[in-house]
């Protein structure tokens, strides 16, 4: 008989994992299968460590002033070399990316005063009672500030995308941290506690529109308790919740439904007719969500594979595999000096600058191409060449993100004297 599962403690990360995917919760906390984290998680943990050490020094040394960026770099380098979190990271690009985020964050802080900071990486355990049972809710607050007599809870995030308004207003973590802060610092129990997400990668701060109320905090605690009790219910099943973020889950290697999708074992297109009844609409809705999940997972997985291919293509011109050839192309965007371009097109079209401005108000490739085509019709070859040279002289180019392309290989027979030529895009 299987041993009944009990939550030894509660945390936001534990509850959020269940919300995001019940199967991931089961694999991690019930089956005790160790997950595998990726670079995105590792760099986030490392940046937290760097900022913890930095502000610990600020508080201990009672530092007031502008932090020296070389000093910040020294802390970063020391932890990169000597800390467990740092030793999991590798690659010049990742090293530079992390250092740039930290230095940019410190630069934007401006003048730092030690007395504005109460604590950094402050761990807490809160005891709550539910149905005669004592539960412990724990967590770690990244930083606690006091500004103008008000308490601020700061949480560092290395997300690539900002939170939307709904996520900010209802976030479980900030409700729990507000509740905990009033227990930890009772002098602020009758005041508003303010919460902030410091978005390290994006370079700005996100805040809810207002502080959490006591009622909202208590509701959040009750929700955490009831969700935890649900996971302990022997009748609880733990279905997978497939989505585009599955490839970032530390349990993805252990998730059979996710692996089935990667191996193409999930059939998608069994519905061949349009829905005509409400029951058909329900089937279509379910089918649509499966397709959305699979396409999201497939797209995210494709990005991972492209990164591996791109790494190989840094050393090779292309990679022939079977009858396919993979190669890298970099899209180029063109921009123009608007004033000079307007003057040039007004002259050649024999119209006023105002008329040319209206004609090319949005200078995009199709508008410009149409205007150039009209001009070229009345020019000889030498004049056309001159026009092209003048336009090229006022254009600048910016490279987009390199992308992986694939083409069919042209297999040449031994007696075929033709060159194997790839069309250049």
Protein backbone atom coordinates (compact mmCIF):
# COMPACT_ATOMS: atom_id res chain seq x y z
CA UNK A 1 0.00 0.00 0.00
CA UNK A 2 1.40 3.35 -1.06
CA UNK A 3 2.25 5.75 1.70
CA UNK A 4 -0.20 8.65 1.90
CA UNK A 5 1.33 11.90 0.70
CA UNK A 6 1.51 14.84 3.13
CA UNK A 7 2.87 18.31 2.49
CA UNK A 8 5.59 18.85 5.07
CA UNK A 9 5.46 22.56 4.38
CA UNK A 10 3.88 25.04 1.96
CA UNK A 11 5.52 27.56 -0.33
CA UNK A 12 4.51 29.70 -3.27
CA UNK A 13 6.77 27.73 -5.61
CA UNK A 14 5.10 24.48 -4.54
CA UNK A 15 1.58 25.82 -5.12
CA UNK A 16 2.52 27.52 -8.39
CA UNK A 17 4.01 24.29 -9.69
CA UNK A 18 0.71 22.54 -9.03
CA UNK A 19 -1.19 25.35 -10.77
CA UNK A 20 1.09 25.22 -13.81
CA UNK A 21 1.07 21.44 -14.10
CA UNK A 22 -0.28 18.92 -11.56
CA UNK A 23 1.84 16.15 -13.10
CA UNK A 24 5.02 18.19 -12.61
CA UNK A 25 4.02 18.63 -8.94
CA UNK A 26 3.54 14.87 -8.55
CA UNK A 27 6.84 13.99 -10.21
CA UNK A 28 8.75 16.50 -8.09
CA UNK A 29 7.16 16.28 -4.65
CA UNK A 30 5.41 12.91 -4.47
CA UNK A 31 7.55 10.68 -6.68
CA UNK A 32 10.68 12.57 -5.56
CA UNK A 33 12.19 12.54 -9.05
CA UNK A 34 15.01 15.03 -9.33
CA UNK A 35 14.46 17.49 -12.15
CA UNK A 36 16.94 19.03 -14.55
CA UNK A 37 17.05 22.82 -14.69
CA UNK A 38 18.06 24.80 -17.74
CA UNK A 39 20.25 27.87 -18.22
CA UNK A 40 17.32 30.30 -17.75
CA UNK A 41 16.70 29.04 -14.20
CA UNK A 42 20.40 28.81 -13.37
CA UNK A 43 21.20 32.40 -14.41
CA UNK A 44 18.22 33.67 -12.40
CA UNK A 45 19.46 31.91 -9.26
CA UNK A 46 22.97 33.22 -9.83
CA UNK A 47 21.81 36.84 -10.22
CA UNK A 48 19.89 36.51 -6.95
CA UNK A 49 23.08 35.34 -5.26
CA UNK A 50 25.10 38.27 -6.64
CA UNK A 51 22.53 40.83 -5.45
CA UNK A 52 22.31 39.11 -2.07
CA UNK A 53 26.06 39.45 -1.57
CA UNK A 54 26.07 43.03 -2.82
CA UNK A 55 23.31 44.30 -0.52
CA UNK A 56 24.59 42.26 2.40
CA UNK A 57 27.83 44.22 2.03
CA UNK A 58 25.92 47.52 1.74
CA UNK A 59 24.02 46.81 4.97
CA UNK A 60 27.02 45.51 6.94
CA UNK A 61 29.33 48.33 5.86
CA UNK A 62 26.59 50.95 6.28
CA UNK A 63 27.50 52.17 2.82
CA UNK A 64 26.04 55.39 1.44
CA UNK A 65 26.81 56.60 -2.06
CA UNK A 66 27.03 55.37 -5.64
CA UNK A 67 28.19 51.79 -5.98
CA UNK A 68 31.35 51.36 -8.03
CA UNK A 69 30.65 49.15 -11.07
CA UNK A 70 34.13 47.61 -10.91
CA UNK A 71 33.41 46.55 -7.32
CA UNK A 72 30.12 45.04 -8.47
CA UNK A 73 32.00 43.19 -11.22
CA UNK A 74 34.46 41.83 -8.65
CA UNK A 75 31.58 40.33 -6.65
CA UNK A 76 30.07 38.90 -9.83
CA UNK A 77 33.38 37.37 -10.93
CA UNK A 78 34.14 35.89 -7.51
CA UNK A 79 30.75 34.16 -7.36
CA UNK A 80 31.01 33.03 -10.99
CA UNK A 81 34.27 31.26 -10.11
CA UNK A 82 33.61 30.03 -6.58
CA UNK A 83 29.87 29.58 -5.97
CA UNK A 84 27.92 26.42 -6.77
CA UNK A 85 25.35 28.45 -8.73
CA UNK A 86 28.10 30.14 -10.72
CA UNK A 87 29.89 26.91 -11.58
CA UNK A 88 26.74 25.57 -13.25
CA UNK A 89 26.97 28.38 -15.83
CA UNK A 90 29.23 28.51 -18.85
CA UNK A 91 29.66 30.48 -22.04
CA UNK A 92 30.90 34.00 -22.76
CA UNK A 93 27.46 35.11 -23.94
CA UNK A 94 25.78 34.03 -20.69
CA UNK A 95 28.57 35.58 -18.60
CA UNK A 96 28.27 38.94 -20.39
CA UNK A 97 24.49 38.85 -20.32
CA UNK A 98 24.38 38.34 -16.56
CA UNK A 99 27.04 40.96 -15.85
CA UNK A 100 25.28 43.51 -18.04
CA UNK A 101 21.99 42.93 -16.22
CA UNK A 102 23.61 43.37 -12.81
CA UNK A 103 25.61 46.46 -13.73
CA UNK A 104 22.67 48.07 -15.48
CA UNK A 105 20.50 47.43 -12.41
CA UNK A 106 23.10 48.94 -10.05
CA UNK A 107 23.63 51.92 -12.37
CA UNK A 108 19.91 52.73 -12.30
CA UNK A 109 19.81 52.55 -8.48
CA UNK A 110 21.87 55.74 -8.30
CA UNK A 111 22.68 56.76 -4.73
CA UNK A 112 22.40 53.85 -2.31
CA UNK A 113 21.89 54.36 1.44
CA UNK A 114 22.33 51.38 3.74
CA UNK A 115 19.60 52.61 6.10
CA UNK A 116 17.02 52.13 3.34
CA UNK A 117 17.49 48.35 3.48
CA UNK A 118 16.20 46.16 6.30
CA UNK A 119 17.18 42.75 5.01
CA UNK A 120 18.25 40.76 1.96
CA UNK A 121 17.27 37.14 1.14
CA UNK A 122 15.18 37.01 4.31
CA UNK A 123 13.88 33.50 4.99
CA UNK A 124 10.68 33.05 6.98
CA UNK A 125 8.49 30.29 8.42
CA UNK A 126 4.88 31.08 9.31
CA UNK A 127 2.76 28.67 11.31
CA UNK A 128 -0.94 28.43 10.44
CA UNK A 129 -3.75 26.23 11.75
CA UNK A 130 -6.22 24.37 9.54
CA UNK A 131 -8.75 21.74 10.70
CA UNK A 132 -6.77 21.06 13.86
CA UNK A 133 -3.56 20.65 11.90
CA UNK A 134 -0.48 22.87 12.09
CA UNK A 135 1.08 23.84 8.78
CA UNK A 136 4.27 25.77 8.09
CA UNK A 137 4.40 28.19 5.16
CA UNK A 138 7.89 29.27 4.19
CA UNK A 139 9.62 31.45 1.67
CA UNK A 140 12.49 33.84 1.01
CA UNK A 141 12.01 37.56 0.42
CA UNK A 142 14.71 38.86 -1.91
CA UNK A 143 14.99 42.31 -0.31
CA UNK A 144 13.09 44.49 2.16
CA UNK A 145 13.39 48.29 1.86
CA UNK A 146 12.10 51.20 3.90
CA UNK A 147 11.45 54.40 1.95
CA UNK A 148 9.79 57.45 3.44
CA UNK A 149 8.62 55.35 6.38
CA UNK A 150 6.95 52.74 4.15
CA UNK A 151 7.88 49.09 3.81
CA UNK A 152 8.67 47.73 0.33
CA UNK A 153 9.02 44.08 -0.62
CA UNK A 154 11.39 43.67 -3.57
CA UNK A 155 11.49 40.55 -5.70
CA UNK A 156 14.10 40.12 -8.44
CA UNK A 157 12.95 38.63 -11.74
CA UNK A 158 15.03 37.74 -14.79
CA UNK A 159 11.97 37.10 -16.99
CA UNK A 160 12.18 37.93 -20.67
CA UNK A 161 8.53 38.99 -20.67
CA UNK A 162 6.84 41.45 -18.27
CA UNK A 163 3.86 40.50 -16.14
CA UNK A 164 0.45 41.55 -17.41
CA UNK A 165 -1.92 43.61 -15.26
CA UNK A 166 -3.93 40.62 -14.07
CA UNK A 167 -0.81 38.75 -12.95
CA UNK A 168 0.42 41.77 -10.99
CA UNK A 169 -2.89 42.35 -9.22
CA UNK A 170 -3.48 38.72 -8.19
CA UNK A 171 0.01 37.30 -7.76
CA UNK A 172 0.05 34.76 -4.94
CA UNK A 173 3.67 35.45 -4.02
CA UNK A 174 3.12 39.11 -3.20
CA UNK A 175 0.05 38.30 -1.11
CA UNK A 176 2.02 35.77 0.95
CA UNK A 177 5.02 38.09 1.32
CA UNK A 178 2.80 40.94 2.46
CA UNK A 179 1.23 38.62 5.05
CA UNK A 180 4.68 37.46 6.18
CA UNK A 181 6.09 41.00 6.35
CA UNK A 182 3.44 42.07 8.85
CA UNK A 183 4.37 39.09 11.03
CA UNK A 184 8.10 39.72 10.71
CA UNK A 185 8.02 43.50 11.17
CA UNK A 186 5.00 44.19 13.41
CA UNK A 187 5.76 47.93 13.48
CA UNK A 188 4.24 48.01 9.97
CA UNK A 189 1.19 45.91 10.82
CA UNK A 190 -1.19 48.86 10.53
CA UNK A 191 0.39 50.33 7.39
CA UNK A 192 0.31 49.49 3.72
CA UNK A 193 3.04 47.15 2.47
CA UNK A 194 4.18 47.88 -1.08
CA UNK A 195 5.37 45.18 -3.49
CA UNK A 196 7.72 45.51 -6.44
CA UNK A 197 9.10 43.25 -9.13
CA UNK A 198 12.54 44.45 -10.22
CA UNK A 199 12.80 43.17 -13.80
CA UNK A 200 16.55 42.69 -14.23
CA UNK A 201 16.52 41.77 -17.88
CA UNK A 202 13.96 44.39 -18.90
CA UNK A 203 15.47 47.21 -16.84
CA UNK A 204 12.43 48.52 -15.01
CA UNK A 205 10.17 47.97 -11.99
CA UNK A 206 6.64 46.56 -12.09
CA UNK A 207 4.19 47.26 -9.28
CA UNK A 208 0.57 46.34 -8.53
CA UNK A 209 -1.77 49.32 -8.67
CA UNK A 210 -2.31 49.18 -4.89
CA UNK A 211 -1.07 47.35 -1.77
CA UNK A 212 -2.65 44.03 -0.81
CA UNK A 213 -5.41 44.24 1.79
CA UNK A 214 -5.41 42.04 4.90
CA UNK A 215 -8.46 40.23 3.53
CA UNK A 216 -6.70 39.48 0.23
CA UNK A 217 -3.68 38.14 2.09
CA UNK A 218 -5.80 35.89 4.29
CA UNK A 219 -7.66 34.61 1.23
CA UNK A 220 -4.34 33.78 -0.42
CA UNK A 221 -3.20 31.84 2.66
CA UNK A 222 -6.49 29.94 2.77
CA UNK A 223 -6.19 29.14 -0.94
CA UNK A 224 -2.67 27.77 -0.43
CA UNK A 225 -3.86 25.55 2.41
CA UNK A 226 -6.83 24.19 0.47
CA UNK A 227 -4.73 23.56 -2.65
CA UNK A 228 -2.20 21.69 -0.52
CA UNK A 229 -5.00 19.60 1.01
CA UNK A 230 -6.23 18.76 -2.50
CA UNK A 231 -2.81 17.36 -3.40
CA UNK A 232 -2.99 15.12 -0.33
CA UNK A 233 -6.40 13.70 -1.32
CA UNK A 234 -5.96 10.03 -2.37
CA UNK A 235 -8.58 10.60 -5.11
CA UNK A 236 -6.60 13.48 -6.60
CA UNK A 237 -5.25 12.77 -10.04
CA UNK A 238 -2.38 14.79 -11.42
CA UNK A 239 -3.06 15.41 -15.11
CA UNK A 240 -0.42 17.01 -17.32
CA UNK A 241 -1.11 20.60 -18.33
CA UNK A 242 0.72 20.84 -21.63
CA UNK A 243 1.74 24.27 -22.85
CA UNK A 244 4.55 26.17 -24.58
CA UNK A 245 6.56 26.37 -21.34
CA UNK A 246 6.86 22.59 -20.99
CA UNK A 247 10.33 22.58 -22.54
CA UNK A 248 11.53 24.81 -19.67
CA UNK A 249 10.08 22.52 -16.98
CA UNK A 250 12.72 20.66 -14.97
CA UNK A 251 10.54 17.53 -15.21
CA UNK A 252 10.10 17.56 -19.00
CA UNK A 253 12.49 14.60 -19.44
CA UNK A 254 10.28 12.57 -17.08
CA UNK A 255 6.92 13.63 -18.57
CA UNK A 256 5.52 10.89 -20.82
CA UNK A 257 2.82 13.05 -22.50
CA UNK A 258 5.42 15.70 -23.36
CA UNK A 259 7.80 13.10 -24.76
CA UNK A 260 4.96 11.61 -26.83
CA UNK A 261 4.44 15.00 -28.47
CA UNK A 262 8.14 15.34 -29.23
CA UNK A 263 8.12 11.90 -30.82
CA UNK A 264 5.02 12.71 -32.91
CA UNK A 265 2.80 10.13 -31.21
CA UNK A 266 -0.10 12.56 -30.60
CA UNK A 267 -2.68 12.66 -33.40
CA UNK A 268 -4.09 16.13 -34.00
CA UNK A 269 -6.32 16.24 -37.02
CA UNK A 270 -9.09 13.70 -36.50
CA UNK A 271 -11.86 16.33 -36.74
CA UNK A 272 -12.58 16.71 -40.45
CA UNK A 273 -15.96 18.48 -40.46
CA UNK A 274 -17.16 21.78 -39.07
CA UNK A 275 -19.17 21.64 -35.79
CA UNK A 276 -22.94 21.83 -36.10
CA UNK A 277 -24.13 21.18 -32.54
CA UNK A 278 -23.19 22.40 -29.08
CA UNK A 279 -21.62 19.03 -28.29
CA UNK A 280 -19.48 19.32 -31.41
CA UNK A 281 -18.39 22.78 -30.29
CA UNK A 282 -17.27 21.32 -26.99
CA UNK A 283 -15.21 18.69 -28.83
CA UNK A 284 -13.79 21.36 -31.09
CA UNK A 285 -12.82 23.48 -28.09
CA UNK A 286 -10.99 20.57 -26.47
CA UNK A 287 -9.32 19.72 -29.74
CA UNK A 288 -8.30 23.32 -30.22
CA UNK A 289 -6.60 23.38 -26.81
CA UNK A 290 -4.70 20.19 -27.63
CA UNK A 291 -3.54 21.68 -30.92
CA UNK A 292 -2.53 24.93 -29.17
CA UNK A 293 -0.54 23.00 -26.57
CA UNK A 294 1.20 20.80 -29.11
CA UNK A 295 2.02 23.69 -31.44
CA UNK A 296 3.41 25.72 -28.52
CA UNK A 297 5.55 22.82 -27.37
CA UNK A 298 6.70 22.07 -30.90
CA UNK A 299 7.64 25.70 -31.54
CA UNK A 300 9.59 25.96 -28.28
CA UNK A 301 11.34 22.67 -29.02
CA UNK A 302 12.19 23.86 -32.54
CA UNK A 303 13.89 26.93 -31.00
CA UNK A 304 16.00 24.67 -28.81
CA UNK A 305 17.02 22.50 -31.78
CA UNK A 306 17.81 25.62 -33.83
CA UNK A 307 20.15 26.80 -31.08
CA UNK A 308 22.05 23.50 -31.27
CA UNK A 309 22.24 23.72 -35.06
CA UNK A 310 23.30 27.38 -34.88
CA UNK A 311 26.15 26.41 -32.55
CA UNK A 312 27.33 23.83 -35.09
CA UNK A 313 26.95 26.32 -37.95
CA UNK A 314 29.30 28.75 -36.23
CA UNK A 315 32.09 26.44 -37.41
CA UNK A 316 30.62 25.07 -40.62
CA UNK A 317 29.12 26.74 -43.69
CA UNK A 318 26.20 24.33 -43.79
CA UNK A 319 25.18 20.94 -42.45
CA UNK A 320 24.03 18.27 -44.95
CA UNK A 321 21.81 15.65 -43.31
CA UNK A 322 20.25 13.12 -45.64
CA UNK A 323 18.58 15.04 -48.45
CA UNK A 324 18.42 18.29 -46.44
CA UNK A 325 20.98 21.04 -45.97
CA UNK A 326 20.82 23.39 -42.96
CA UNK A 327 22.39 26.84 -43.16
CA UNK A 328 22.14 30.22 -41.43
CA UNK A 329 20.84 33.42 -42.95
CA UNK A 330 20.64 36.80 -41.24
CA UNK A 331 17.76 39.06 -42.30
CA UNK A 332 18.80 42.68 -42.89
CA UNK A 333 16.55 45.66 -42.19
CA UNK A 334 17.10 48.87 -44.14
CA UNK A 335 16.54 52.35 -42.73
CA UNK A 336 16.80 55.68 -44.51
CA UNK A 337 17.59 59.29 -43.70
CA UNK A 338 14.01 60.53 -44.06
CA UNK A 339 14.78 64.19 -44.94
CA UNK A 340 17.33 63.28 -47.60
CA UNK A 341 15.08 60.57 -49.01
CA UNK A 342 12.14 62.99 -49.29
CA UNK A 343 14.34 65.54 -51.05
CA UNK A 344 15.64 62.90 -53.45
CA UNK A 345 12.23 61.44 -54.32
CA UNK A 346 10.64 64.91 -54.69
CA UNK A 347 13.36 65.82 -57.19
CA UNK A 348 13.02 62.68 -59.29
CA UNK A 349 9.20 62.56 -59.15
CA UNK A 350 9.05 66.28 -59.91
CA UNK A 351 6.72 66.96 -56.98
CA UNK A 352 6.97 69.17 -53.89
CA UNK A 353 8.58 67.94 -50.69
CA UNK A 354 5.17 68.00 -48.98
CA UNK A 355 3.74 65.81 -51.72
CA UNK A 356 6.69 63.44 -51.43
CA UNK A 357 6.23 63.36 -47.64
CA UNK A 358 2.60 62.31 -48.06
CA UNK A 359 3.62 59.74 -50.66
CA UNK A 360 6.26 58.23 -48.38
CA UNK A 361 4.77 59.07 -45.01
CA UNK A 362 5.43 55.49 -44.00
CA UNK A 363 8.75 54.64 -45.55
CA UNK A 364 8.52 50.90 -45.85
CA UNK A 365 9.96 48.61 -48.43
CA UNK A 366 6.82 48.28 -50.58
CA UNK A 367 6.11 52.05 -50.70
CA UNK A 368 9.69 52.85 -51.59
CA UNK A 369 9.85 50.08 -54.16
CA UNK A 370 6.72 51.41 -55.91
CA UNK A 371 8.07 54.96 -55.95
CA UNK A 372 11.46 53.87 -57.30
CA UNK A 373 9.78 51.81 -60.00
CA UNK A 374 7.82 54.84 -61.15
CA UNK A 375 10.97 56.98 -61.24
CA UNK A 376 13.04 54.38 -63.11
CA UNK A 377 10.57 54.23 -66.00
CA UNK A 378 11.70 57.66 -67.21
CA UNK A 379 15.44 57.15 -66.73
CA UNK A 380 18.17 55.68 -68.86
CA UNK A 381 20.57 53.04 -67.54
CA UNK A 382 23.16 55.53 -66.30
CA UNK A 383 20.51 57.59 -64.49
CA UNK A 384 19.04 54.46 -62.94
CA UNK A 385 22.45 53.48 -61.65
CA UNK A 386 22.97 56.96 -60.21
CA UNK A 387 19.56 56.84 -58.48
CA UNK A 388 20.41 53.46 -56.96
CA UNK A 389 23.76 54.74 -55.72
CA UNK A 390 22.21 57.84 -54.14
CA UNK A 391 19.56 55.79 -52.31
CA UNK A 392 22.20 53.33 -51.10
CA UNK A 393 24.26 56.25 -49.77
CA UNK A 394 21.49 57.30 -47.36
CA UNK A 395 20.49 53.84 -46.18
CA UNK A 396 21.72 52.06 -43.09
CA UNK A 397 21.37 48.38 -42.39
CA UNK A 398 20.74 46.54 -39.15
CA UNK A 399 20.99 42.79 -38.88
CA UNK A 400 18.12 40.83 -37.44
CA UNK A 401 18.37 37.60 -35.48
CA UNK A 402 20.16 34.89 -37.49
CA UNK A 403 17.76 32.14 -38.42
CA UNK A 404 18.16 28.52 -39.42
CA UNK A 405 17.05 27.70 -42.96
CA UNK A 406 16.77 24.36 -44.69
CA UNK A 407 16.72 23.38 -48.36
CA UNK A 408 16.71 20.21 -50.37
CA UNK A 409 20.19 19.14 -51.38
CA UNK A 410 20.89 18.74 -55.07
CA UNK A 411 22.64 15.43 -55.53
CA UNK A 412 24.91 15.60 -58.56
CA UNK A 413 25.72 12.46 -60.50
CA UNK A 414 29.43 11.82 -61.26
CA UNK A 415 28.97 12.69 -64.94
CA UNK A 416 27.06 15.92 -64.23
CA UNK A 417 29.40 18.84 -64.75
CA UNK A 418 27.05 21.48 -63.25
CA UNK A 419 27.93 23.32 -60.06
CA UNK A 420 25.74 22.61 -57.00
CA UNK A 421 24.54 26.18 -56.43
CA UNK A 422 22.36 27.37 -53.59
CA UNK A 423 20.06 30.28 -54.27
CA UNK A 424 21.11 33.20 -52.09
CA UNK A 425 18.22 34.91 -50.31
